[in-house]
PDB file of all heavy atoms in Angstrom:
ATOM      1  N   LEU A   1      -6.768  80.804  81.414  1.00  0.00           N
ATOM      2  CA  LEU A   1      -6.706  81.868  82.403  1.00  0.00           C
ATOM      3  C   LEU A   1      -6.811  81.280  83.804  1.00  0.00           C
ATOM      4  O   LEU A   1      -7.706  80.473  84.076  1.00  0.00           O
ATOM      5  CB  LEU A   1      -7.841  82.869  82.185  1.00  0.00           C
ATOM      6  CG  LEU A   1      -7.863  83.555  80.824  1.00  0.00           C
ATOM      7  CD1 LEU A   1      -9.099  84.406  80.681  1.00  0.00           C
ATOM      8  CD2 LEU A   1      -6.623  84.380  80.619  1.00  0.00           C
ATOM      9  N   PHE A   2      -5.881  81.698  84.676  1.00  0.00           N
ATOM     10  CA  PHE A   2      -5.839  81.232  86.061  1.00  0.00           C
ATOM     11  C   PHE A   2      -5.777  82.428  86.998  1.00  0.00           C
ATOM     12  O   PHE A   2      -5.280  83.488  86.621  1.00  0.00           O
ATOM     13  CB  PHE A   2      -4.615  80.337  86.290  1.00  0.00           C
ATOM     14  CG  PHE A   2      -4.718  79.032  85.559  1.00  0.00           C
ATOM     15  CD1 PHE A   2      -4.127  78.867  84.321  1.00  0.00           C
ATOM     16  CD2 PHE A   2      -5.406  77.977  86.111  1.00  0.00           C
ATOM     17  CE1 PHE A   2      -4.239  77.679  83.638  1.00  0.00           C
ATOM     18  CE2 PHE A   2      -5.517  76.781  85.439  1.00  0.00           C
ATOM     19  CZ  PHE A   2      -4.930  76.629  84.197  1.00  0.00           C
ATOM     20  N   PRO A   3      -6.233  82.253  88.236  1.00  0.00           N
ATOM     21  CA  PRO A   3      -6.229  83.386  89.171  1.00  0.00           C
ATOM     22  C   PRO A   3      -4.831  83.807  89.614  1.00  0.00           C
ATOM     23  O   PRO A   3      -4.612  84.965  89.940  1.00  0.00           O
ATOM     24  CB  PRO A   3      -7.053  82.897  90.354  1.00  0.00           C
ATOM     25  CG  PRO A   3      -7.137  81.431  90.226  1.00  0.00           C
ATOM     26  CD  PRO A   3      -6.900  81.092  88.786  1.00  0.00           C
ATOM     27  N   THR A   4      -3.861  82.874  89.613  1.00  0.00           N
ATOM     28  CA  THR A   4      -2.515  83.228  90.050  1.00  0.00           C
ATOM     29  C   THR A   4      -1.476  82.727  89.051  1.00  0.00           C
ATOM     30  O   THR A   4      -1.697  81.760  88.324  1.00  0.00           O
ATOM     31  CB  THR A   4      -2.179  82.611  91.426  1.00  0.00           C
ATOM     32  OG1 THR A   4      -2.128  81.192  91.295  1.00  0.00           O
ATOM     33  CG2 THR A   4      -3.197  83.009  92.477  1.00  0.00           C
ATOM     34  N   ARG A   5      -0.343  83.407  89.051  1.00  0.00           N
ATOM     35  CA  ARG A   5       0.770  83.008  88.192  1.00  0.00           C
ATOM     36  C   ARG A   5       1.271  81.621  88.600  1.00  0.00           C
ATOM     37  O   ARG A   5       1.626  80.801  87.754  1.00  0.00           O
ATOM     38  CB  ARG A   5       1.889  84.036  88.307  1.00  0.00           C
ATOM     39  CG  ARG A   5       3.051  83.800  87.383  1.00  0.00           C
ATOM     40  CD  ARG A   5       4.098  84.877  87.557  1.00  0.00           C
ATOM     41  NE  ARG A   5       3.643  86.152  87.053  1.00  0.00           N
ATOM     42  CZ  ARG A   5       3.999  86.656  85.868  1.00  0.00           C
ATOM     43  NH1 ARG A   5       4.803  85.990  85.102  1.00  0.00           N
ATOM     44  NH2 ARG A   5       3.554  87.816  85.480  1.00  0.00           N
ATOM     45  N   ARG A   6       1.268  81.345  89.899  1.00  0.00           N
ATOM     46  CA  ARG A   6       1.731  80.043  90.403  1.00  0.00           C
ATOM     47  C   ARG A   6       0.888  78.899  89.825  1.00  0.00           C
ATOM     48  O   ARG A   6       1.431  77.898  89.366  1.00  0.00           O
ATOM     49  CB  ARG A   6       1.679  80.027  91.923  1.00  0.00           C
ATOM     50  CG  ARG A   6       2.012  78.679  92.495  1.00  0.00           C
ATOM     51  CD  ARG A   6       1.903  78.670  93.993  1.00  0.00           C
ATOM     52  NE  ARG A   6       3.167  78.169  94.476  1.00  0.00           N
ATOM     53  CZ  ARG A   6       3.640  78.342  95.664  1.00  0.00           C
ATOM     54  NH1 ARG A   6       2.976  79.035  96.541  1.00  0.00           N
ATOM     55  NH2 ARG A   6       4.788  77.837  96.005  1.00  0.00           N
ATOM     56  N   GLN A   7      -0.438  79.055  89.829  1.00  0.00           N
ATOM     57  CA  GLN A   7      -1.308  78.022  89.262  1.00  0.00           C
ATOM     58  C   GLN A   7      -1.047  77.854  87.770  1.00  0.00           C
ATOM     59  O   GLN A   7      -1.033  76.734  87.257  1.00  0.00           O
ATOM     60  CB  GLN A   7      -2.781  78.372  89.483  1.00  0.00           C
ATOM     61  CG  GLN A   7      -3.257  78.129  90.882  1.00  0.00           C
ATOM     62  CD  GLN A   7      -4.712  78.535  91.031  1.00  0.00           C
ATOM     63  OE1 GLN A   7      -5.069  79.678  90.754  1.00  0.00           O
ATOM     64  NE2 GLN A   7      -5.531  77.600  91.452  1.00  0.00           N
ATOM     65  N   ALA A   8      -0.838  78.953  87.086  1.00  0.00           N
ATOM     66  CA  ALA A   8      -0.564  78.889  85.642  1.00  0.00           C
ATOM     67  C   ALA A   8       0.709  78.094  85.375  1.00  0.00           C
ATOM     68  O   ALA A   8       0.748  77.239  84.482  1.00  0.00           O
ATOM     69  CB  ALA A   8      -0.451  80.298  85.064  1.00  0.00           C
ATOM     70  N   TRP A   9       1.768  78.341  86.148  1.00  0.00           N
ATOM     71  CA  TRP A   9       3.019  77.614  85.956  1.00  0.00           C
ATOM     72  C   TRP A   9       2.867  76.129  86.302  1.00  0.00           C
ATOM     73  O   TRP A   9       3.445  75.269  85.628  1.00  0.00           O
ATOM     74  CB  TRP A   9       4.144  78.236  86.780  1.00  0.00           C
ATOM     75  CG  TRP A   9       4.743  79.418  86.089  1.00  0.00           C
ATOM     76  CD1 TRP A   9       4.567  80.729  86.401  1.00  0.00           C
ATOM     77  CD2 TRP A   9       5.595  79.409  84.944  1.00  0.00           C
ATOM     78  NE1 TRP A   9       5.239  81.531  85.525  1.00  0.00           N
ATOM     79  CE2 TRP A   9       5.897  80.738  84.620  1.00  0.00           C
ATOM     80  CE3 TRP A   9       6.134  78.397  84.160  1.00  0.00           C
ATOM     81  CZ2 TRP A   9       6.695  81.091  83.550  1.00  0.00           C
ATOM     82  CZ3 TRP A   9       6.945  78.753  83.092  1.00  0.00           C
ATOM     83  CH2 TRP A   9       7.222  80.082  82.796  1.00  0.00           C
ATOM     84  N   GLN A  10       2.097  75.828  87.343  1.00  0.00           N
ATOM     85  CA  GLN A  10       1.880  74.425  87.711  1.00  0.00           C
ATOM     86  C   GLN A  10       1.159  73.678  86.595  1.00  0.00           C
ATOM     87  O   GLN A  10       1.551  72.570  86.223  1.00  0.00           O
ATOM     88  CB  GLN A  10       1.077  74.326  89.017  1.00  0.00           C
ATOM     89  CG  GLN A  10       1.865  74.728  90.234  1.00  0.00           C
ATOM     90  CD  GLN A  10       0.993  74.823  91.482  1.00  0.00           C
ATOM     91  OE1 GLN A  10      -0.229  74.878  91.410  1.00  0.00           O
ATOM     92  NE2 GLN A  10       1.646  74.866  92.647  1.00  0.00           N
ATOM     93  N   VAL A  11       0.111  74.272  86.057  1.00  0.00           N
ATOM     94  CA  VAL A  11      -0.634  73.627  84.971  1.00  0.00           C
ATOM     95  C   VAL A  11       0.226  73.541  83.720  1.00  0.00           C
ATOM     96  O   VAL A  11       0.218  72.526  83.017  1.00  0.00           O
ATOM     97  CB  VAL A  11      -1.950  74.377  84.691  1.00  0.00           C
ATOM     98  CG1 VAL A  11      -2.600  73.882  83.412  1.00  0.00           C
ATOM     99  CG2 VAL A  11      -2.891  74.225  85.863  1.00  0.00           C
ATOM    100  N   ARG A  12       0.989  74.585  83.437  1.00  0.00           N
ATOM    101  CA  ARG A  12       1.868  74.565  82.270  1.00  0.00           C
ATOM    102  C   ARG A  12       2.851  73.403  82.350  1.00  0.00           C
ATOM    103  O   ARG A  12       3.044  72.663  81.395  1.00  0.00           O
ATOM    104  CB  ARG A  12       2.629  75.887  82.168  1.00  0.00           C
ATOM    105  CG  ARG A  12       3.571  75.947  81.000  1.00  0.00           C
ATOM    106  CD  ARG A  12       4.771  76.828  81.348  1.00  0.00           C
ATOM    107  NE  ARG A  12       5.831  76.616  80.412  1.00  0.00           N
ATOM    108  CZ  ARG A  12       6.779  75.683  80.534  1.00  0.00           C
ATOM    109  NH1 ARG A  12       6.777  74.867  81.546  1.00  0.00           N
ATOM    110  NH2 ARG A  12       7.712  75.555  79.643  1.00  0.00           N
ATOM    111  N   THR A  13       3.462  73.221  83.516  1.00  0.00           N
ATOM    112  CA  THR A  13       4.429  72.133  83.709  1.00  0.00           C
ATOM    113  C   THR A  13       3.751  70.769  83.555  1.00  0.00           C
ATOM    114  O   THR A  13       4.260  69.892  82.856  1.00  0.00           O
ATOM    115  CB  THR A  13       5.085  72.248  85.101  1.00  0.00           C
ATOM    116  OG1 THR A  13       5.697  73.535  85.206  1.00  0.00           O
ATOM    117  CG2 THR A  13       6.122  71.182  85.311  1.00  0.00           C
ATOM    118  N   ALA A  14       2.600  70.599  84.184  1.00  0.00           N
ATOM    119  CA  ALA A  14       1.882  69.322  84.100  1.00  0.00           C
ATOM    120  C   ALA A  14       1.415  69.040  82.669  1.00  0.00           C
ATOM    121  O   ALA A  14       1.541  67.921  82.172  1.00  0.00           O
ATOM    122  CB  ALA A  14       0.696  69.336  85.052  1.00  0.00           C
ATOM    123  N   ALA A  15       0.892  70.057  81.992  1.00  0.00           N
ATOM    124  CA  ALA A  15       0.396  69.876  80.623  1.00  0.00           C
ATOM    125  C   ALA A  15       1.526  69.546  79.663  1.00  0.00           C
ATOM    126  O   ALA A  15       1.392  68.665  78.808  1.00  0.00           O
ATOM    127  CB  ALA A  15      -0.346  71.129  80.167  1.00  0.00           C
ATOM    128  N   THR A  16       2.646  70.224  79.805  1.00  0.00           N
ATOM    129  CA  THR A  16       3.795  69.959  78.942  1.00  0.00           C
ATOM    130  C   THR A  16       4.284  68.531  79.132  1.00  0.00           C
ATOM    131  O   THR A  16       4.558  67.823  78.156  1.00  0.00           O
ATOM    132  CB  THR A  16       4.929  70.964  79.237  1.00  0.00           C
ATOM    133  OG1 THR A  16       4.421  72.286  79.056  1.00  0.00           O
ATOM    134  CG2 THR A  16       6.109  70.759  78.326  1.00  0.00           C
ATOM    135  N   SER A  17       4.368  68.096  80.371  1.00  0.00           N
ATOM    136  CA  SER A  17       4.793  66.720  80.659  1.00  0.00           C
ATOM    137  C   SER A  17       3.806  65.710  80.093  1.00  0.00           C
ATOM    138  O   SER A  17       4.201  64.705  79.499  1.00  0.00           O
ATOM    139  CB  SER A  17       4.933  66.498  82.164  1.00  0.00           C
ATOM    140  OG  SER A  17       5.913  67.342  82.683  1.00  0.00           O
ATOM    141  N   TRP A  18       2.519  65.957  80.271  1.00  0.00           N
ATOM    142  CA  TRP A  18       1.507  65.037  79.785  1.00  0.00           C
ATOM    143  C   TRP A  18       1.528  64.950  78.255  1.00  0.00           C
ATOM    144  O   TRP A  18       1.465  63.866  77.686  1.00  0.00           O
ATOM    145  CB  TRP A  18       0.120  65.471  80.256  1.00  0.00           C
ATOM    146  CG  TRP A  18      -0.937  64.488  79.874  1.00  0.00           C
ATOM    147  CD1 TRP A  18      -1.317  63.385  80.562  1.00  0.00           C
ATOM    148  CD2 TRP A  18      -1.736  64.523  78.692  1.00  0.00           C
ATOM    149  NE1 TRP A  18      -2.305  62.724  79.882  1.00  0.00           N
ATOM    150  CE2 TRP A  18      -2.589  63.406  78.721  1.00  0.00           C
ATOM    151  CE3 TRP A  18      -1.827  65.391  77.608  1.00  0.00           C
ATOM    152  CZ2 TRP A  18      -3.502  63.133  77.710  1.00  0.00           C
ATOM    153  CZ3 TRP A  18      -2.736  65.111  76.602  1.00  0.00           C
ATOM    154  CH2 TRP A  18      -3.560  63.996  76.664  1.00  0.00           C
ATOM    155  N   LEU A  19       1.602  66.113  77.592  1.00  0.00           N
ATOM    156  CA  LEU A  19       1.632  66.117  76.128  1.00  0.00           C
ATOM    157  C   LEU A  19       2.817  65.326  75.588  1.00  0.00           C
ATOM    158  O   LEU A  19       2.682  64.565  74.633  1.00  0.00           O
ATOM    159  CB  LEU A  19       1.679  67.553  75.594  1.00  0.00           C
ATOM    160  CG  LEU A  19       0.375  68.325  75.651  1.00  0.00           C
ATOM    161  CD1 LEU A  19       0.612  69.798  75.357  1.00  0.00           C
ATOM    162  CD2 LEU A  19      -0.630  67.743  74.674  1.00  0.00           C
ATOM    163  N   TYR A  20       3.976  65.488  76.213  1.00  0.00           N
ATOM    164  CA  TYR A  20       5.146  64.759  75.735  1.00  0.00           C
ATOM    165  C   TYR A  20       5.065  63.281  76.120  1.00  0.00           C
ATOM    166  O   TYR A  20       5.325  62.408  75.291  1.00  0.00           O
ATOM    167  CB  TYR A  20       6.443  65.371  76.264  1.00  0.00           C
ATOM    168  CG  TYR A  20       7.634  64.699  75.624  1.00  0.00           C
ATOM    169  CD1 TYR A  20       7.976  65.007  74.317  1.00  0.00           C
ATOM    170  CD2 TYR A  20       8.372  63.743  76.310  1.00  0.00           C
ATOM    171  CE1 TYR A  20       9.040  64.370  73.707  1.00  0.00           C
ATOM    172  CE2 TYR A  20       9.437  63.107  75.707  1.00  0.00           C
ATOM    173  CZ  TYR A  20       9.769  63.422  74.396  1.00  0.00           C
ATOM    174  OH  TYR A  20      10.809  62.786  73.787  1.00  0.00           O
ATOM    175  N   GLY A  21       4.668  62.994  77.355  1.00  0.00           N
ATOM    176  CA  GLY A  21       4.619  61.610  77.821  1.00  0.00           C
ATOM    177  C   GLY A  21       3.578  60.765  77.115  1.00  0.00           C
ATOM    178  O   GLY A  21       3.832  59.614  76.760  1.00  0.00           O
ATOM    179  N   GLN A  22       2.394  61.314  76.890  1.00  0.00           N
ATOM    180  CA  GLN A  22       1.295  60.555  76.293  1.00  0.00           C
ATOM    181  C   GLN A  22       1.256  60.628  74.773  1.00  0.00           C
ATOM    182  O   GLN A  22       0.923  59.651  74.111  1.00  0.00           O
ATOM    183  CB  GLN A  22      -0.047  61.050  76.843  1.00  0.00           C
ATOM    184  CG  GLN A  22      -0.212  60.877  78.328  1.00  0.00           C
ATOM    185  CD  GLN A  22      -0.226  59.411  78.735  1.00  0.00           C
ATOM    186  OE1 GLN A  22      -0.884  58.589  78.113  1.00  0.00           O
ATOM    187  NE2 GLN A  22       0.528  59.093  79.773  1.00  0.00           N
ATOM    188  N   LEU A  23       1.572  61.794  74.222  1.00  0.00           N
ATOM    189  CA  LEU A  23       1.388  62.008  72.783  1.00  0.00           C
ATOM    190  C   LEU A  23       2.682  62.290  72.020  1.00  0.00           C
ATOM    191  O   LEU A  23       2.654  62.461  70.809  1.00  0.00           O
ATOM    192  CB  LEU A  23       0.415  63.175  72.561  1.00  0.00           C
ATOM    193  CG  LEU A  23      -0.960  63.030  73.221  1.00  0.00           C
ATOM    194  CD1 LEU A  23      -1.768  64.310  73.041  1.00  0.00           C
ATOM    195  CD2 LEU A  23      -1.707  61.836  72.657  1.00  0.00           C
ATOM    196  N   LYS A  24       3.793  62.369  72.746  1.00  0.00           N
ATOM    197  CA  LYS A  24       5.091  62.703  72.139  1.00  0.00           C
ATOM    198  C   LYS A  24       5.049  64.045  71.402  1.00  0.00           C
ATOM    199  O   LYS A  24       5.664  64.219  70.358  1.00  0.00           O
ATOM    200  CB  LYS A  24       5.561  61.595  71.178  1.00  0.00           C
ATOM    201  CG  LYS A  24       5.714  60.237  71.824  1.00  0.00           C
ATOM    202  CD  LYS A  24       6.801  60.245  72.868  1.00  0.00           C
ATOM    203  CE  LYS A  24       7.029  58.861  73.420  1.00  0.00           C
ATOM    204  NZ  LYS A  24       6.840  58.764  74.849  1.00  0.00           N
ATOM    205  N   LEU A  25       4.310  64.994  71.963  1.00  0.00           N
ATOM    206  CA  LEU A  25       4.211  66.337  71.397  1.00  0.00           C
ATOM    207  C   LEU A  25       5.019  67.312  72.234  1.00  0.00           C
ATOM    208  O   LEU A  25       5.101  67.176  73.452  1.00  0.00           O
ATOM    209  CB  LEU A  25       2.755  66.812  71.375  1.00  0.00           C
ATOM    210  CG  LEU A  25       1.797  66.061  70.468  1.00  0.00           C
ATOM    211  CD1 LEU A  25       0.375  66.567  70.673  1.00  0.00           C
ATOM    212  CD2 LEU A  25       2.196  66.197  69.012  1.00  0.00           C
ATOM    213  N   THR A  26       5.616  68.283  71.563  1.00  0.00           N
ATOM    214  CA  THR A  26       6.323  69.348  72.275  1.00  0.00           C
ATOM    215  C   THR A  26       5.633  70.673  71.972  1.00  0.00           C
ATOM    216  O   THR A  26       4.946  70.811  70.965  1.00  0.00           O
ATOM    217  CB  THR A  26       7.802  69.438  71.849  1.00  0.00           C
ATOM    218  OG1 THR A  26       7.860  69.663  70.445  1.00  0.00           O
ATOM    219  CG2 THR A  26       8.550  68.174  72.216  1.00  0.00           C
ATOM    220  N   ILE A  27       5.835  71.631  72.851  1.00  0.00           N
ATOM    221  CA  ILE A  27       5.245  72.960  72.684  1.00  0.00           C
ATOM    222  C   ILE A  27       6.323  73.905  72.192  1.00  0.00           C
ATOM    223  O   ILE A  27       7.445  73.904  72.706  1.00  0.00           O
ATOM    224  CB  ILE A  27       4.650  73.451  74.019  1.00  0.00           C
ATOM    225  CG1 ILE A  27       3.500  72.523  74.430  1.00  0.00           C
ATOM    226  CG2 ILE A  27       4.176  74.884  73.905  1.00  0.00           C
ATOM    227  CD1 ILE A  27       2.890  72.849  75.763  1.00  0.00           C
ATOM    228  N   ASN A  28       5.971  74.712  71.203  1.00  0.00           N
ATOM    229  CA  ASN A  28       6.902  75.694  70.670  1.00  0.00           C
ATOM    230  C   ASN A  28       7.233  76.697  71.780  1.00  0.00           C
ATOM    231  O   ASN A  28       6.343  77.363  72.309  1.00  0.00           O
ATOM    232  CB  ASN A  28       6.246  76.405  69.486  1.00  0.00           C
ATOM    233  CG  ASN A  28       7.159  77.394  68.820  1.00  0.00           C
ATOM    234  OD1 ASN A  28       8.115  77.868  69.410  1.00  0.00           O
ATOM    235  ND2 ASN A  28       6.860  77.702  67.576  1.00  0.00           N
ATOM    236  N   PRO A  29       8.504  76.826  72.157  1.00  0.00           N
ATOM    237  CA  PRO A  29       8.882  77.738  73.243  1.00  0.00           C
ATOM    238  C   PRO A  29       8.467  79.190  72.992  1.00  0.00           C
ATOM    239  O   PRO A  29       8.181  79.932  73.928  1.00  0.00           O
ATOM    240  CB  PRO A  29      10.402  77.621  73.313  1.00  0.00           C
ATOM    241  CG  PRO A  29      10.762  76.406  72.556  1.00  0.00           C
ATOM    242  CD  PRO A  29       9.645  76.124  71.603  1.00  0.00           C
ATOM    243  N   LYS A  30       8.411  79.584  71.736  1.00  0.00           N
ATOM    244  CA  LYS A  30       8.010  80.952  71.392  1.00  0.00           C
ATOM    245  C   LYS A  30       6.566  81.224  71.823  1.00  0.00           C
ATOM    246  O   LYS A  30       6.223  82.334  72.202  1.00  0.00           O
ATOM    247  CB  LYS A  30       8.157  81.146  69.882  1.00  0.00           C
ATOM    248  CG  LYS A  30       7.697  82.470  69.370  1.00  0.00           C
ATOM    249  CD  LYS A  30       7.822  82.509  67.863  1.00  0.00           C
ATOM    250  CE  LYS A  30       6.859  83.537  67.318  1.00  0.00           C
ATOM    251  NZ  LYS A  30       6.612  83.382  65.918  1.00  0.00           N
ATOM    252  N   ASN A  31       5.734  80.205  71.766  1.00  0.00           N
ATOM    253  CA  ASN A  31       4.311  80.373  72.071  1.00  0.00           C
ATOM    254  C   ASN A  31       3.934  79.894  73.462  1.00  0.00           C
ATOM    255  O   ASN A  31       2.774  79.951  73.840  1.00  0.00           O
ATOM    256  CB  ASN A  31       3.467  79.631  71.039  1.00  0.00           C
ATOM    257  CG  ASN A  31       3.689  80.168  69.651  1.00  0.00           C
ATOM    258  OD1 ASN A  31       3.890  81.353  69.476  1.00  0.00           O
ATOM    259  ND2 ASN A  31       3.684  79.291  68.675  1.00  0.00           N
ATOM    260  N   ASP A  32       4.881  79.438  74.220  1.00  0.00           N
ATOM    261  CA  ASP A  32       4.632  78.912  75.556  1.00  0.00           C
ATOM    262  C   ASP A  32       4.962  79.990  76.577  1.00  0.00           C
ATOM    263  O   ASP A  32       6.090  80.103  77.037  1.00  0.00           O
ATOM    264  CB  ASP A  32       5.506  77.667  75.768  1.00  0.00           C
ATOM    265  CG  ASP A  32       5.277  77.022  77.102  1.00  0.00           C
ATOM    266  OD1 ASP A  32       4.220  77.243  77.714  1.00  0.00           O
ATOM    267  OD2 ASP A  32       6.175  76.279  77.542  1.00  0.00           O
ATOM    268  N   VAL A  33       3.967  80.817  76.892  1.00  0.00           N
ATOM    269  CA  VAL A  33       4.205  81.947  77.783  1.00  0.00           C
ATOM    270  C   VAL A  33       3.184  81.988  78.909  1.00  0.00           C
ATOM    271  O   VAL A  33       2.054  81.536  78.756  1.00  0.00           O
ATOM    272  CB  VAL A  33       4.173  83.297  77.024  1.00  0.00           C
ATOM    273  CG1 VAL A  33       5.305  83.391  76.029  1.00  0.00           C
ATOM    274  CG2 VAL A  33       2.850  83.509  76.339  1.00  0.00           C
ATOM    275  N   VAL A  34       3.603  82.529  80.022  1.00  0.00           N
ATOM    276  CA  VAL A  34       2.712  82.816  81.143  1.00  0.00           C
ATOM    277  C   VAL A  34       2.847  84.310  81.405  1.00  0.00           C
ATOM    278  O   VAL A  34       3.947  84.783  81.706  1.00  0.00           O
ATOM    279  CB  VAL A  34       3.094  82.000  82.400  1.00  0.00           C
ATOM    280  CG1 VAL A  34       2.259  82.428  83.586  1.00  0.00           C
ATOM    281  CG2 VAL A  34       2.941  80.506  82.137  1.00  0.00           C
ATOM    282  N   ILE A  35       1.764  85.043  81.248  1.00  0.00           N
ATOM    283  CA  ILE A  35       1.788  86.496  81.432  1.00  0.00           C
ATOM    284  C   ILE A  35       0.569  86.943  82.223  1.00  0.00           C
ATOM    285  O   ILE A  35      -0.420  86.214  82.320  1.00  0.00           O
ATOM    286  CB  ILE A  35       1.830  87.252  80.090  1.00  0.00           C
ATOM    287  CG1 ILE A  35       0.570  86.940  79.276  1.00  0.00           C
ATOM    288  CG2 ILE A  35       3.079  86.951  79.323  1.00  0.00           C
ATOM    289  CD1 ILE A  35       0.390  87.832  78.079  1.00  0.00           C
ATOM    290  N   LYS A  36       0.642  88.153  82.752  1.00  0.00           N
ATOM    291  CA  LYS A  36      -0.515  88.749  83.419  1.00  0.00           C
ATOM    292  C   LYS A  36      -1.520  89.186  82.364  1.00  0.00           C
ATOM    293  O   LYS A  36      -1.139  89.684  81.304  1.00  0.00           O
ATOM    294  CB  LYS A  36      -0.102  89.957  84.241  1.00  0.00           C
ATOM    295  CG  LYS A  36       0.680  89.627  85.476  1.00  0.00           C
ATOM    296  CD  LYS A  36       0.955  90.893  86.259  1.00  0.00           C
ATOM    297  CE  LYS A  36       1.666  90.562  87.544  1.00  0.00           C
ATOM    298  NZ  LYS A  36       1.865  91.758  88.370  1.00  0.00           N
ATOM    299  N   VAL A  37      -2.787  89.028  82.662  1.00  0.00           N
ATOM    300  CA  VAL A  37      -3.834  89.451  81.735  1.00  0.00           C
ATOM    301  C   VAL A  37      -3.731  90.942  81.463  1.00  0.00           C
ATOM    302  O   VAL A  37      -3.953  91.400  80.348  1.00  0.00           O
ATOM    303  CB  VAL A  37      -5.231  89.096  82.288  1.00  0.00           C
ATOM    304  CG1 VAL A  37      -6.326  89.685  81.440  1.00  0.00           C
ATOM    305  CG2 VAL A  37      -5.399  87.595  82.385  1.00  0.00           C
ATOM    306  N   SER A  38      -3.362  91.704  82.469  1.00  0.00           N
ATOM    307  CA  SER A  38      -3.275  93.160  82.303  1.00  0.00           C
ATOM    308  C   SER A  38      -2.234  93.565  81.267  1.00  0.00           C
ATOM    309  O   SER A  38      -2.304  94.655  80.712  1.00  0.00           O
ATOM    310  CB  SER A  38      -2.968  93.826  83.638  1.00  0.00           C
ATOM    311  OG  SER A  38      -1.730  93.363  84.147  1.00  0.00           O
ATOM    312  N   ALA A  39      -1.263  92.690  80.981  1.00  0.00           N
ATOM    313  CA  ALA A  39      -0.244  92.996  79.980  1.00  0.00           C
ATOM    314  C   ALA A  39      -0.802  92.908  78.566  1.00  0.00           C
ATOM    315  O   ALA A  39      -0.275  93.508  77.642  1.00  0.00           O
ATOM    316  CB  ALA A  39       0.946  92.043  80.130  1.00  0.00           C
ATOM    317  N   GLY A  40      -1.881  92.144  78.375  1.00  0.00           N
ATOM    318  CA  GLY A  40      -2.452  91.951  77.054  1.00  0.00           C
ATOM    319  C   GLY A  40      -1.570  91.047  76.208  1.00  0.00           C
ATOM    320  O   GLY A  40      -0.410  90.811  76.536  1.00  0.00           O
ATOM    321  N   LEU A  41      -2.136  90.513  75.142  1.00  0.00           N
ATOM    322  CA  LEU A  41      -1.354  89.671  74.262  1.00  0.00           C
ATOM    323  C   LEU A  41      -1.959  89.614  72.882  1.00  0.00           C
ATOM    324  O   LEU A  41      -3.147  89.896  72.707  1.00  0.00           O
ATOM    325  CB  LEU A  41      -1.225  88.271  74.876  1.00  0.00           C
ATOM    326  CG  LEU A  41      -2.131  87.159  74.440  1.00  0.00           C
ATOM    327  CD1 LEU A  41      -1.204  86.004  74.054  1.00  0.00           C
ATOM    328  CD2 LEU A  41      -3.006  86.650  75.563  1.00  0.00           C
ATOM    329  N   HIS A  42      -1.133  89.298  71.906  1.00  0.00           N
ATOM    330  CA  HIS A  42      -1.596  89.078  70.542  1.00  0.00           C
ATOM    331  C   HIS A  42      -1.723  87.577  70.367  1.00  0.00           C
ATOM    332  O   HIS A  42      -0.759  86.829  70.575  1.00  0.00           O
ATOM    333  CB  HIS A  42      -0.610  89.660  69.529  1.00  0.00           C
ATOM    334  CG  HIS A  42      -0.643  91.149  69.522  1.00  0.00           C
ATOM    335  ND1 HIS A  42      -1.577  91.856  68.802  1.00  0.00           N
ATOM    336  CD2 HIS A  42       0.101  92.059  70.162  1.00  0.00           C
ATOM    337  CE1 HIS A  42      -1.391  93.139  68.999  1.00  0.00           C
ATOM    338  NE2 HIS A  42      -0.371  93.294  69.820  1.00  0.00           N
ATOM    339  N   TRP A  43      -2.932  87.125  70.000  1.00  0.00           N
ATOM    340  CA  TRP A  43      -3.185  85.693  69.895  1.00  0.00           C
ATOM    341  C   TRP A  43      -4.118  85.446  68.720  1.00  0.00           C
ATOM    342  O   TRP A  43      -5.219  85.987  68.660  1.00  0.00           O
ATOM    343  CB  TRP A  43      -3.799  85.182  71.201  1.00  0.00           C
ATOM    344  CG  TRP A  43      -3.946  83.710  71.288  1.00  0.00           C
ATOM    345  CD1 TRP A  43      -2.944  82.783  71.342  1.00  0.00           C
ATOM    346  CD2 TRP A  43      -5.156  82.967  71.333  1.00  0.00           C
ATOM    347  NE1 TRP A  43      -3.468  81.530  71.424  1.00  0.00           N
ATOM    348  CE2 TRP A  43      -4.827  81.615  71.423  1.00  0.00           C
ATOM    349  CE3 TRP A  43      -6.498  83.325  71.313  1.00  0.00           C
ATOM    350  CZ2 TRP A  43      -5.779  80.603  71.474  1.00  0.00           C
ATOM    351  CZ3 TRP A  43      -7.440  82.319  71.371  1.00  0.00           C
ATOM    352  CH2 TRP A  43      -7.081  80.984  71.455  1.00  0.00           C
ATOM    353  N   LEU A  44      -3.655  84.667  67.766  1.00  0.00           N
ATOM    354  CA  LEU A  44      -4.442  84.300  66.586  1.00  0.00           C
ATOM    355  C   LEU A  44      -5.038  85.508  65.873  1.00  0.00           C
ATOM    356  O   LEU A  44      -6.197  85.530  65.497  1.00  0.00           O
ATOM    357  CB  LEU A  44      -5.564  83.326  66.978  1.00  0.00           C
ATOM    358  CG  LEU A  44      -5.112  81.977  67.522  1.00  0.00           C
ATOM    359  CD1 LEU A  44      -6.313  81.162  67.967  1.00  0.00           C
ATOM    360  CD2 LEU A  44      -4.297  81.210  66.506  1.00  0.00           C
ATOM    361  N   GLY A  45      -4.218  86.540  65.693  1.00  0.00           N
ATOM    362  CA  GLY A  45      -4.659  87.724  64.970  1.00  0.00           C
ATOM    363  C   GLY A  45      -5.544  88.660  65.763  1.00  0.00           C
ATOM    364  O   GLY A  45      -6.209  89.522  65.192  1.00  0.00           O
ATOM    365  N   HIS A  46      -5.582  88.491  67.086  1.00  0.00           N
ATOM    366  CA  HIS A  46      -6.400  89.337  67.941  1.00  0.00           C
ATOM    367  C   HIS A  46      -5.537  89.985  69.020  1.00  0.00           C
ATOM    368  O   HIS A  46      -4.562  89.394  69.465  1.00  0.00           O
ATOM    369  CB  HIS A  46      -7.502  88.523  68.632  1.00  0.00           C
ATOM    370  CG  HIS A  46      -8.587  88.098  67.704  1.00  0.00           C
ATOM    371  ND1 HIS A  46      -8.400  87.126  66.758  1.00  0.00           N
ATOM    372  CD2 HIS A  46      -9.861  88.523  67.579  1.00  0.00           C
ATOM    373  CE1 HIS A  46      -9.525  86.965  66.087  1.00  0.00           C
ATOM    374  NE2 HIS A  46     -10.430  87.795  66.570  1.00  0.00           N
TER     375      HIS A  46
END
């Protein structure tokens, strides 16, 4: 959770790059989302 959408996108970009560069891991595009908290979300059965 981040205070702004901009910060969320910046961290998402940096984390995705780091995961691939250091660990050769990719993130499933279906689960890689940035949304407002007010929209709510279904996550791990919740």
